[in-house]
Amino acid sequence: MKKDQLLTRRRALLAGAAAAGAAGAAGALAVALGDGPARPVAPAPGPAARSPLKPSAYRLQPLTGYGAPRAAPARPPVRSEPILRMSGRGRTMLLTFDDGPDPRYTPDILDTLAKYDVRATFFVCGEMADRNRDLLSRMADEGHVVGNHTWSHPLLTRLGRRRIRSEMERTSEVVEQAYGELPRWFRAPYGAWNRAAFQLGAELGMEPLAWTVDTLDWTTPGTGTIVDRVADGAAPGVVVLSHDAGGDRSQSVRALRSYLPELLDSGYHLTVPRRRYV
């Protein structure tokens, strides 16, 4: 009798242990699936855990600014002479202005161009552009092209490569900051080119652009003379050189007001230079 009672008691203990094990496994499974409360776990020995981070700390921080990086101008070929004319269809001409921007004259030139909805090219000197960045911003807003005319307008043929590079690079940096992109065109002061200027300009992504018609407005020959020189030299592909700084440019301002509507009435399309590659 005692033997039967011991067996029965043993079976009950085994059944209870099995039931407890099954319940524990079910509980663990319920916790893993989120269907039941988890039992508290005693902290493990060791240093205290750090306080939880704020939600914003989990966000990925940008490595650079937003938006796609700005592409630098494609590197053009190294030329042995500057471009004098622009090819294109129809009666197209380019108006270019050197040495600025100058707050005494450049705004009046921009106003006249805006009045007739015409775009022009401004070859700026870095030291002038740095002091008048608002004018470069306006040129960008109104669709004009800004080119590099060195920092201080030196005679490049008397400078070494390092100085020429500095003159170009400093100006390109200011243009990019104020205008919004690097210049794609370069003009040597006084039209004095050398191999170093062509090579360094190409390395910085710029094409050399000279001119076909020189108004010689820097000599202040008179408003009528400037107008006549533009009218006499007008032809498809012509690049006209004028100035918006570097001296008294009031004659240049008045001349533009006269010859611009005349060119338009004659069927000319005044535009900006275009490159065949980006």
C-alpha atoms as a PDB file:
ATOM      1  CA  MET A   1       0.000   0.000   0.000  1.00  0.00           C
ATOM      2  CA  LYS A   2       2.803   2.339   0.872  1.00  0.00           C
ATOM      3  CA  LYS A   3       4.496   1.504  -2.400  1.00  0.00           C
ATOM      4  CA  ASP A   4       1.391   2.478  -4.409  1.00  0.00           C
ATOM      5  CA  GLN A   5       1.078   5.754  -2.483  1.00  0.00           C
ATOM      6  CA  LEU A   6       4.714   6.616  -3.181  1.00  0.00           C
ATOM      7  CA  LEU A   7       4.298   5.972  -6.911  1.00  0.00           C
ATOM      8  CA  THR A   8       1.149   8.094  -7.040  1.00  0.00           C
ATOM      9  CA  ARG A   9       2.850  10.917  -5.188  1.00  0.00           C
ATOM     10  CA  ARG A  10       5.854  10.728  -7.491  1.00  0.00           C
ATOM     11  CA  ARG A  11       3.658  10.876 -10.593  1.00  0.00           C
ATOM     12  CA  ALA A  12       1.894  13.972  -9.186  1.00  0.00           C
ATOM     13  CA  LEU A  13       5.211  15.724  -8.565  1.00  0.00           C
ATOM     14  CA  LEU A  14       6.426  14.941 -12.103  1.00  0.00           C
ATOM     15  CA  ALA A  15       3.140  16.146 -13.608  1.00  0.00           C
ATOM     16  CA  GLY A  16       3.355  19.361 -11.573  1.00  0.00           C
ATOM     17  CA  ALA A  17       6.907  20.019 -12.724  1.00  0.00           C
ATOM     18  CA  ALA A  18       5.930  19.427 -16.349  1.00  0.00           C
ATOM     19  CA  ALA A  19       2.970  21.781 -16.015  1.00  0.00           C
ATOM     20  CA  ALA A  20       5.160  24.456 -14.434  1.00  0.00           C
ATOM     21  CA  GLY A  21       7.710  24.091 -17.227  1.00  0.00           C
ATOM     22  CA  ALA A  22       5.034  24.380 -19.891  1.00  0.00           C
ATOM     23  CA  ALA A  23       3.583  27.455 -18.224  1.00  0.00           C
ATOM     24  CA  GLY A  24       7.019  29.082 -18.055  1.00  0.00           C
ATOM     25  CA  ALA A  25       7.684  28.419 -21.724  1.00  0.00           C
ATOM     26  CA  ALA A  26       4.277  29.778 -22.651  1.00  0.00           C
ATOM     27  CA  GLY A  27       4.918  32.875 -20.568  1.00  0.00           C
ATOM     28  CA  ALA A  28       8.268  33.464 -22.227  1.00  0.00           C
ATOM     29  CA  LEU A  29       6.691  33.035 -25.649  1.00  0.00           C
ATOM     30  CA  ALA A  30       3.921  35.474 -24.719  1.00  0.00           C
ATOM     31  CA  VAL A  31       6.476  38.068 -23.640  1.00  0.00           C
ATOM     32  CA  ALA A  32       8.444  37.604 -26.861  1.00  0.00           C
ATOM     33  CA  LEU A  33       5.277  38.118 -28.896  1.00  0.00           C
ATOM     34  CA  GLY A  34       4.121  41.040 -26.782  1.00  0.00           C
ATOM     35  CA  ASP A  35       1.107  39.182 -25.406  1.00  0.00           C
ATOM     36  CA  GLY A  36       2.009  39.299 -21.737  1.00  0.00           C
ATOM     37  CA  PRO A  37       3.918  41.240 -19.135  1.00  0.00           C
ATOM     38  CA  ALA A  38       7.626  40.661 -18.776  1.00  0.00           C
ATOM     39  CA  ARG A  39       8.968  39.807 -15.373  1.00  0.00           C
ATOM     40  CA  PRO A  40      11.510  42.300 -14.026  1.00  0.00           C
ATOM     41  CA  VAL A  41      15.091  41.243 -14.461  1.00  0.00           C
ATOM     42  CA  ALA A  42      17.643  42.036 -11.817  1.00  0.00           C
ATOM     43  CA  PRO A  43      20.357  44.421 -13.037  1.00  0.00           C
ATOM     44  CA  ALA A  44      23.647  42.824 -13.989  1.00  0.00           C
ATOM     45  CA  PRO A  45      26.677  43.800 -11.941  1.00  0.00           C
ATOM     46  CA  GLY A  46      28.956  46.464 -13.439  1.00  0.00           C
ATOM     47  CA  PRO A  47      28.934  50.247 -14.136  1.00  0.00           C
ATOM     48  CA  ALA A  48      25.648  52.093 -14.267  1.00  0.00           C
ATOM     49  CA  ALA A  49      24.003  52.357 -17.687  1.00  0.00           C
ATOM     50  CA  ARG A  50      24.005  55.725 -19.448  1.00  0.00           C
ATOM     51  CA  SER A  51      20.803  57.748 -19.475  1.00  0.00           C
ATOM     52  CA  PRO A  52      18.693  57.180 -22.625  1.00  0.00           C
ATOM     53  CA  LEU A  53      19.321  59.519 -25.556  1.00  0.00           C
ATOM     54  CA  LYS A  54      16.750  62.046 -26.689  1.00  0.00           C
ATOM     55  CA  PRO A  55      14.814  61.064 -29.821  1.00  0.00           C
ATOM     56  CA  SER A  56      16.627  63.692 -31.911  1.00  0.00           C
ATOM     57  CA  ALA A  57      19.971  62.062 -31.100  1.00  0.00           C
ATOM     58  CA  TYR A  58      18.988  59.000 -33.125  1.00  0.00           C
ATOM     59  CA  ARG A  59      18.532  60.966 -36.338  1.00  0.00           C
ATOM     60  CA  LEU A  60      21.203  60.752 -38.974  1.00  0.00           C
ATOM     61  CA  GLN A  61      23.169  63.972 -39.183  1.00  0.00           C
ATOM     62  CA  PRO A  62      24.001  65.245 -42.701  1.00  0.00           C
ATOM     63  CA  LEU A  63      27.673  65.134 -43.637  1.00  0.00           C
ATOM     64  CA  THR A  64      27.319  68.101 -45.977  1.00  0.00           C
ATOM     65  CA  GLY A  65      24.730  70.671 -46.915  1.00  0.00           C
ATOM     66  CA  TYR A  66      21.373  69.763 -48.379  1.00  0.00           C
ATOM     67  CA  GLY A  67      20.977  69.287 -52.100  1.00  0.00           C
ATOM     68  CA  ALA A  68      23.210  67.902 -54.797  1.00  0.00           C
ATOM     69  CA  PRO A  69      26.780  69.184 -54.895  1.00  0.00           C
ATOM     70  CA  ARG A  70      27.406  71.902 -57.467  1.00  0.00           C
ATOM     71  CA  ALA A  71      29.353  70.614 -60.441  1.00  0.00           C
ATOM     72  CA  ALA A  72      32.464  72.511 -61.463  1.00  0.00           C
ATOM     73  CA  PRO A  73      32.645  73.737 -65.064  1.00  0.00           C
ATOM     74  CA  ALA A  74      33.963  71.145 -67.483  1.00  0.00           C
ATOM     75  CA  ARG A  75      37.601  71.636 -68.352  1.00  0.00           C
ATOM     76  CA  PRO A  76      37.877  73.238 -71.793  1.00  0.00           C
ATOM     77  CA  PRO A  77      40.771  72.734 -74.202  1.00  0.00           C
ATOM     78  CA  VAL A  78      43.885  74.856 -73.836  1.00  0.00           C
ATOM     79  CA  ARG A  79      43.737  77.400 -76.634  1.00  0.00           C
ATOM     80  CA  SER A  80      46.566  79.334 -78.232  1.00  0.00           C
ATOM     81  CA  GLU A  81      44.443  82.422 -78.894  1.00  0.00           C
ATOM     82  CA  PRO A  82      41.218  83.826 -77.443  1.00  0.00           C
ATOM     83  CA  ILE A  83      37.783  83.552 -79.008  1.00  0.00           C
ATOM     84  CA  LEU A  84      37.019  86.751 -80.929  1.00  0.00           C
ATOM     85  CA  ARG A  85      33.570  86.010 -82.324  1.00  0.00           C
ATOM     86  CA  MET A  86      30.646  83.829 -81.357  1.00  0.00           C
ATOM     87  CA  SER A  87      29.042  81.493 -83.834  1.00  0.00           C
ATOM     88  CA  GLY A  88      25.273  81.305 -83.932  1.00  0.00           C
ATOM     89  CA  ARG A  89      22.215  81.564 -86.090  1.00  0.00           C
ATOM     90  CA  GLY A  90      20.861  84.845 -87.319  1.00  0.00           C
ATOM     91  CA  ARG A  91      21.949  88.331 -86.363  1.00  0.00           C
ATOM     92  CA  THR A  92      23.294  87.693 -82.885  1.00  0.00           C
ATOM     93  CA  MET A  93      25.734  89.941 -81.039  1.00  0.00           C
ATOM     94  CA  LEU A  94      27.309  90.010 -77.597  1.00  0.00           C
ATOM     95  CA  LEU A  95      27.626  93.052 -75.361  1.00  0.00           C
ATOM     96  CA  THR A  96      30.408  92.789 -72.771  1.00  0.00           C
ATOM     97  CA  PHE A  97      31.440  95.148 -69.976  1.00  0.00           C
ATOM     98  CA  ASP A  98      34.808  95.052 -68.194  1.00  0.00           C
ATOM     99  CA  ASP A  99      36.405  96.129 -64.904  1.00  0.00           C
ATOM    100  CA  GLY A 100      33.312  96.380 -62.665  1.00  0.00           C
ATOM    101  CA  PRO A 101      31.068  96.205 -60.953  1.00  0.00           C
ATOM    102  CA  ASP A 102      30.998  99.881 -59.989  1.00  0.00           C
ATOM    103  CA  PRO A 103      27.993 101.168 -58.013  1.00  0.00           C
ATOM    104  CA  ARG A 104      28.220 104.501 -59.866  1.00  0.00           C
ATOM    105  CA  TYR A 105      27.669 103.041 -63.357  1.00  0.00           C
ATOM    106  CA  THR A 106      26.811  99.321 -63.300  1.00  0.00           C
ATOM    107  CA  PRO A 107      23.265  99.783 -61.909  1.00  0.00           C
ATOM    108  CA  ASP A 108      22.418 102.218 -64.749  1.00  0.00           C
ATOM    109  CA  ILE A 109      23.724  99.726 -67.309  1.00  0.00           C
ATOM    110  CA  LEU A 110      21.685  96.945 -65.696  1.00  0.00           C
ATOM    111  CA  ASP A 111      18.587  99.161 -65.721  1.00  0.00           C
ATOM    112  CA  THR A 112      18.955  99.815 -69.464  1.00  0.00           C
ATOM    113  CA  LEU A 113      19.492  96.127 -70.225  1.00  0.00           C
ATOM    114  CA  ALA A 114      16.428  95.249 -68.135  1.00  0.00           C
ATOM    115  CA  LYS A 115      14.336  97.849 -69.930  1.00  0.00           C
ATOM    116  CA  TYR A 116      14.922  96.083 -73.250  1.00  0.00           C
ATOM    117  CA  ASP A 117      15.057  92.563 -71.781  1.00  0.00           C
ATOM    118  CA  VAL A 118      18.645  92.046 -72.981  1.00  0.00           C
ATOM    119  CA  ARG A 119      21.346  89.863 -71.407  1.00  0.00           C
ATOM    120  CA  ALA A 120      25.019  90.851 -71.368  1.00  0.00           C
ATOM    121  CA  THR A 121      28.353  89.561 -70.094  1.00  0.00           C
ATOM    122  CA  PHE A 122      30.264  91.286 -67.292  1.00  0.00           C
ATOM    123  CA  PHE A 123      33.955  90.524 -66.853  1.00  0.00           C
ATOM    124  CA  VAL A 124      34.483  91.530 -63.252  1.00  0.00           C
ATOM    125  CA  CYS A 125      37.640  92.290 -61.288  1.00  0.00           C
ATOM    126  CA  GLY A 126      37.732  90.421 -57.987  1.00  0.00           C
ATOM    127  CA  GLU A 127      38.538  93.435 -55.814  1.00  0.00           C
ATOM    128  CA  MET A 128      35.538  95.300 -57.265  1.00  0.00           C
ATOM    129  CA  ALA A 129      33.244  92.284 -57.070  1.00  0.00           C
ATOM    130  CA  ASP A 130      34.208  91.640 -53.463  1.00  0.00           C
ATOM    131  CA  ARG A 131      33.059  95.150 -52.483  1.00  0.00           C
ATOM    132  CA  ASN A 132      29.878  95.021 -54.568  1.00  0.00           C
ATOM    133  CA  ARG A 133      28.544  91.504 -54.191  1.00  0.00           C
ATOM    134  CA  ASP A 134      24.964  92.729 -54.341  1.00  0.00           C
ATOM    135  CA  LEU A 135      25.495  93.741 -57.964  1.00  0.00           C
ATOM    136  CA  LEU A 136      26.722  90.251 -58.836  1.00  0.00           C
ATOM    137  CA  SER A 137      23.618  88.833 -57.188  1.00  0.00           C
ATOM    138  CA  ARG A 138      21.495  91.133 -59.314  1.00  0.00           C
ATOM    139  CA  MET A 139      23.341  90.013 -62.459  1.00  0.00           C
ATOM    140  CA  ALA A 140      22.533  86.421 -61.563  1.00  0.00           C
ATOM    141  CA  ASP A 141      18.860  87.238 -60.906  1.00  0.00           C
ATOM    142  CA  GLU A 142      18.534  89.015 -64.257  1.00  0.00           C
ATOM    143  CA  GLY A 143      20.226  86.324 -66.346  1.00  0.00           C
ATOM    144  CA  HIS A 144      23.535  87.991 -67.167  1.00  0.00           C
ATOM    145  CA  VAL A 145      26.807  86.086 -67.452  1.00  0.00           C
ATOM    146  CA  VAL A 146      29.700  86.952 -65.131  1.00  0.00           C
ATOM    147  CA  GLY A 147      33.248  86.263 -66.284  1.00  0.00           C
ATOM    148  CA  ASN A 148      36.666  86.458 -64.636  1.00  0.00           C
ATOM    149  CA  HIS A 149      38.829  89.544 -65.322  1.00  0.00           C
ATOM    150  CA  THR A 150      41.484  88.828 -62.638  1.00  0.00           C
ATOM    151  CA  TRP A 151      41.590  90.289 -59.138  1.00  0.00           C
ATOM    152  CA  SER A 152      43.510  93.551 -59.599  1.00  0.00           C
ATOM    153  CA  HIS A 153      43.663  94.015 -63.416  1.00  0.00           C
ATOM    154  CA  PRO A 154      47.425  93.422 -63.855  1.00  0.00           C
ATOM    155  CA  LEU A 155      49.354  92.899 -67.061  1.00  0.00           C
ATOM    156  CA  LEU A 156      49.537  89.098 -67.068  1.00  0.00           C
ATOM    157  CA  THR A 157      52.497  88.924 -69.444  1.00  0.00           C
ATOM    158  CA  ARG A 158      54.664  90.383 -66.680  1.00  0.00           C
ATOM    159  CA  LEU A 159      53.569  87.923 -63.992  1.00  0.00           C
ATOM    160  CA  GLY A 160      54.673  84.406 -63.088  1.00  0.00           C
ATOM    161  CA  ARG A 161      52.310  81.436 -63.095  1.00  0.00           C
ATOM    162  CA  ARG A 162      51.757  81.499 -59.334  1.00  0.00           C
ATOM    163  CA  ARG A 163      50.616  85.118 -59.358  1.00  0.00           C
ATOM    164  CA  ILE A 164      48.413  84.602 -62.417  1.00  0.00           C
ATOM    165  CA  ARG A 165      46.746  81.628 -60.746  1.00  0.00           C
ATOM    166  CA  SER A 166      46.148  83.650 -57.588  1.00  0.00           C
ATOM    167  CA  GLU A 167      44.587  86.498 -59.568  1.00  0.00           C
ATOM    168  CA  MET A 168      42.220  84.073 -61.290  1.00  0.00           C
ATOM    169  CA  GLU A 169      41.396  81.842 -58.340  1.00  0.00           C
ATOM    170  CA  ARG A 170      40.586  84.655 -55.900  1.00  0.00           C
ATOM    171  CA  THR A 171      38.215  86.213 -58.416  1.00  0.00           C
ATOM    172  CA  SER A 172      36.527  82.894 -59.202  1.00  0.00           C
ATOM    173  CA  GLU A 173      35.913  82.330 -55.490  1.00  0.00           C
ATOM    174  CA  VAL A 174      34.197  85.695 -55.072  1.00  0.00           C
ATOM    175  CA  VAL A 175      32.123  85.140 -58.214  1.00  0.00           C
ATOM    176  CA  GLU A 176      30.974  81.738 -56.978  1.00  0.00           C
ATOM    177  CA  GLN A 177      30.003  83.144 -53.579  1.00  0.00           C
ATOM    178  CA  ALA A 178      28.168  86.233 -54.858  1.00  0.00           C
ATOM    179  CA  TYR A 179      26.897  85.101 -58.265  1.00  0.00           C
ATOM    180  CA  GLY A 180      26.140  81.493 -57.373  1.00  0.00           C
ATOM    181  CA  GLU A 181      28.427  79.551 -59.698  1.00  0.00           C
ATOM    182  CA  LEU A 182      31.994  79.546 -60.929  1.00  0.00           C
ATOM    183  CA  PRO A 183      32.784  81.703 -63.975  1.00  0.00           C
ATOM    184  CA  ARG A 184      33.035  79.875 -67.291  1.00  0.00           C
ATOM    185  CA  TRP A 185      34.677  82.719 -69.221  1.00  0.00           C
ATOM    186  CA  PHE A 186      37.923  84.612 -68.758  1.00  0.00           C
ATOM    187  CA  ARG A 187      39.274  87.823 -70.262  1.00  0.00           C
ATOM    188  CA  ALA A 188      42.866  88.974 -69.850  1.00  0.00           C
ATOM    189  CA  PRO A 189      43.306  92.625 -68.831  1.00  0.00           C
ATOM    190  CA  TYR A 190      44.461  94.837 -71.715  1.00  0.00           C
ATOM    191  CA  GLY A 191      43.925  91.849 -74.016  1.00  0.00           C
ATOM    192  CA  ALA A 192      47.430  90.666 -73.068  1.00  0.00           C
ATOM    193  CA  TRP A 193      47.391  86.873 -73.255  1.00  0.00           C
ATOM    194  CA  ASN A 194      50.197  84.372 -72.776  1.00  0.00           C
ATOM    195  CA  ARG A 195      50.418  80.591 -72.633  1.00  0.00           C
ATOM    196  CA  ALA A 196      50.218  80.534 -68.843  1.00  0.00           C
ATOM    197  CA  ALA A 197      46.951  82.487 -68.941  1.00  0.00           C
ATOM    198  CA  PHE A 198      45.434  80.055 -71.452  1.00  0.00           C
ATOM    199  CA  GLN A 199      46.598  77.006 -69.481  1.00  0.00           C
ATOM    200  CA  LEU A 200      45.529  78.243 -66.054  1.00  0.00           C
ATOM    201  CA  GLY A 201      42.219  79.514 -67.353  1.00  0.00           C
ATOM    202  CA  ALA A 202      41.465  76.081 -68.823  1.00  0.00           C
ATOM    203  CA  GLU A 203      42.471  74.389 -65.557  1.00  0.00           C
ATOM    204  CA  LEU A 204      39.921  76.548 -63.756  1.00  0.00           C
ATOM    205  CA  GLY A 205      37.214  75.637 -66.272  1.00  0.00           C
ATOM    206  CA  MET A 206      37.176  78.905 -68.217  1.00  0.00           C
ATOM    207  CA  GLU A 207      37.217  79.717 -71.927  1.00  0.00           C
ATOM    208  CA  PRO A 208      39.143  82.817 -73.102  1.00  0.00           C
ATOM    209  CA  LEU A 209      36.865  85.412 -74.676  1.00  0.00           C
ATOM    210  CA  ALA A 210      38.226  88.581 -76.295  1.00  0.00           C
ATOM    211  CA  TRP A 211      36.247  90.994 -78.522  1.00  0.00           C
ATOM    212  CA  THR A 212      35.618  92.024 -82.099  1.00  0.00           C
ATOM    213  CA  VAL A 213      34.575  95.669 -81.656  1.00  0.00           C
ATOM    214  CA  ASP A 214      36.420  97.861 -79.166  1.00  0.00           C
ATOM    215  CA  THR A 215      34.451 100.999 -78.337  1.00  0.00           C
ATOM    216  CA  LEU A 216      37.564 102.541 -76.692  1.00  0.00           C
ATOM    217  CA  ASP A 217      35.134 104.091 -74.232  1.00  0.00           C
ATOM    218  CA  TRP A 218      37.880 104.157 -71.590  1.00  0.00           C
ATOM    219  CA  THR A 219      39.395 107.079 -73.521  1.00  0.00           C
ATOM    220  CA  THR A 220      36.111 109.024 -73.037  1.00  0.00           C
ATOM    221  CA  PRO A 221      35.850 109.892 -76.754  1.00  0.00           C
ATOM    222  CA  GLY A 222      32.290 111.183 -76.419  1.00  0.00           C
ATOM    223  CA  THR A 223      28.915 109.444 -76.323  1.00  0.00           C
ATOM    224  CA  GLY A 224      28.292 109.893 -80.063  1.00  0.00           C
ATOM    225  CA  THR A 225      31.642 108.353 -80.983  1.00  0.00           C
ATOM    226  CA  ILE A 226      30.950 105.278 -78.870  1.00  0.00           C
ATOM    227  CA  VAL A 227      27.536 104.875 -80.501  1.00  0.00           C
ATOM    228  CA  ASP A 228      29.038 105.198 -83.993  1.00  0.00           C
ATOM    229  CA  ARG A 229      31.728 102.584 -83.265  1.00  0.00           C
ATOM    230  CA  VAL A 230      29.114 100.048 -82.164  1.00  0.00           C
ATOM    231  CA  ALA A 231      26.862 100.797 -85.142  1.00  0.00           C
ATOM    232  CA  ASP A 232      29.745 100.593 -87.644  1.00  0.00           C
ATOM    233  CA  GLY A 233      31.028  97.320 -86.232  1.00  0.00           C
ATOM    234  CA  ALA A 234      27.673  95.597 -85.835  1.00  0.00           C
ATOM    235  CA  ALA A 235      27.536  92.203 -87.551  1.00  0.00           C
ATOM    236  CA  PRO A 236      26.479  88.628 -86.727  1.00  0.00           C
ATOM    237  CA  GLY A 237      28.750  87.053 -84.110  1.00  0.00           C
ATOM    238  CA  VAL A 238      30.384  90.324 -83.078  1.00  0.00           C
ATOM    239  CA  VAL A 239      31.541  90.780 -79.478  1.00  0.00           C
ATOM    240  CA  VAL A 240      31.426  94.410 -78.330  1.00  0.00           C
ATOM    241  CA  LEU A 241      33.788  95.624 -75.597  1.00  0.00           C
ATOM    242  CA  SER A 242      32.725  98.425 -73.235  1.00  0.00           C
ATOM    243  CA  HIS A 243      33.471  99.257 -69.591  1.00  0.00           C
ATOM    244  CA  ASP A 244      31.340  99.805 -66.510  1.00  0.00           C
ATOM    245  CA  ALA A 245      34.239 100.751 -64.186  1.00  0.00           C
ATOM    246  CA  GLY A 246      37.847 101.869 -64.147  1.00  0.00           C
ATOM    247  CA  GLY A 247      37.133 105.582 -64.545  1.00  0.00           C
ATOM    248  CA  ASP A 248      34.344 107.928 -65.575  1.00  0.00           C
ATOM    249  CA  ARG A 249      31.943 105.674 -67.462  1.00  0.00           C
ATOM    250  CA  SER A 250      29.023 108.071 -67.798  1.00  0.00           C
ATOM    251  CA  GLN A 251      29.585 108.195 -71.581  1.00  0.00           C
ATOM    252  CA  SER A 252      29.357 104.410 -71.744  1.00  0.00           C
ATOM    253  CA  VAL A 253      26.077 104.512 -69.823  1.00  0.00           C
ATOM    254  CA  ARG A 254      24.563 107.122 -72.150  1.00  0.00           C
ATOM    255  CA  ALA A 255      25.868 105.396 -75.280  1.00  0.00           C
ATOM    256  CA  LEU A 256      24.203 102.110 -74.308  1.00  0.00           C
ATOM    257  CA  ARG A 257      20.862 103.890 -73.969  1.00  0.00           C
ATOM    258  CA  SER A 258      21.258 105.058 -77.558  1.00  0.00           C
ATOM    259  CA  TYR A 259      22.752 102.138 -79.489  1.00  0.00           C
ATOM    260  CA  LEU A 260      20.884  99.299 -77.758  1.00  0.00           C
ATOM    261  CA  PRO A 261      17.407 100.158 -79.115  1.00  0.00           C
ATOM    262  CA  GLU A 262      18.973 100.901 -82.511  1.00  0.00           C
ATOM    263  CA  LEU A 263      20.535  97.424 -82.653  1.00  0.00           C
ATOM    264  CA  LEU A 264      17.245  95.823 -81.674  1.00  0.00           C
ATOM    265  CA  ASP A 265      15.348  97.842 -84.297  1.00  0.00           C
ATOM    266  CA  SER A 266      17.891  96.641 -86.880  1.00  0.00           C
ATOM    267  CA  GLY A 267      16.998  93.034 -86.107  1.00  0.00           C
ATOM    268  CA  TYR A 268      19.957  92.084 -83.929  1.00  0.00           C
ATOM    269  CA  HIS A 269      19.540  89.637 -81.077  1.00  0.00           C
ATOM    270  CA  LEU A 270      21.769  90.553 -78.121  1.00  0.00           C
ATOM    271  CA  THR A 271      22.696  87.442 -76.190  1.00  0.00           C
ATOM    272  CA  VAL A 272      25.338  85.848 -73.956  1.00  0.00           C
ATOM    273  CA  PRO A 273      28.091  83.377 -74.887  1.00  0.00           C
ATOM    274  CA  ARG A 274      27.206  79.686 -74.971  1.00  0.00           C
ATOM    275  CA  ARG A 275      29.574  76.787 -74.512  1.00  0.00           C
ATOM    276  CA  ARG A 276      29.133  73.515 -76.309  1.00  0.00           C
ATOM    277  CA  TYR A 277      29.919  71.502 -73.203  1.00  0.00           C
ATOM    278  CA  VAL A 278      28.968  71.894 -69.541  1.00  0.00           C
END
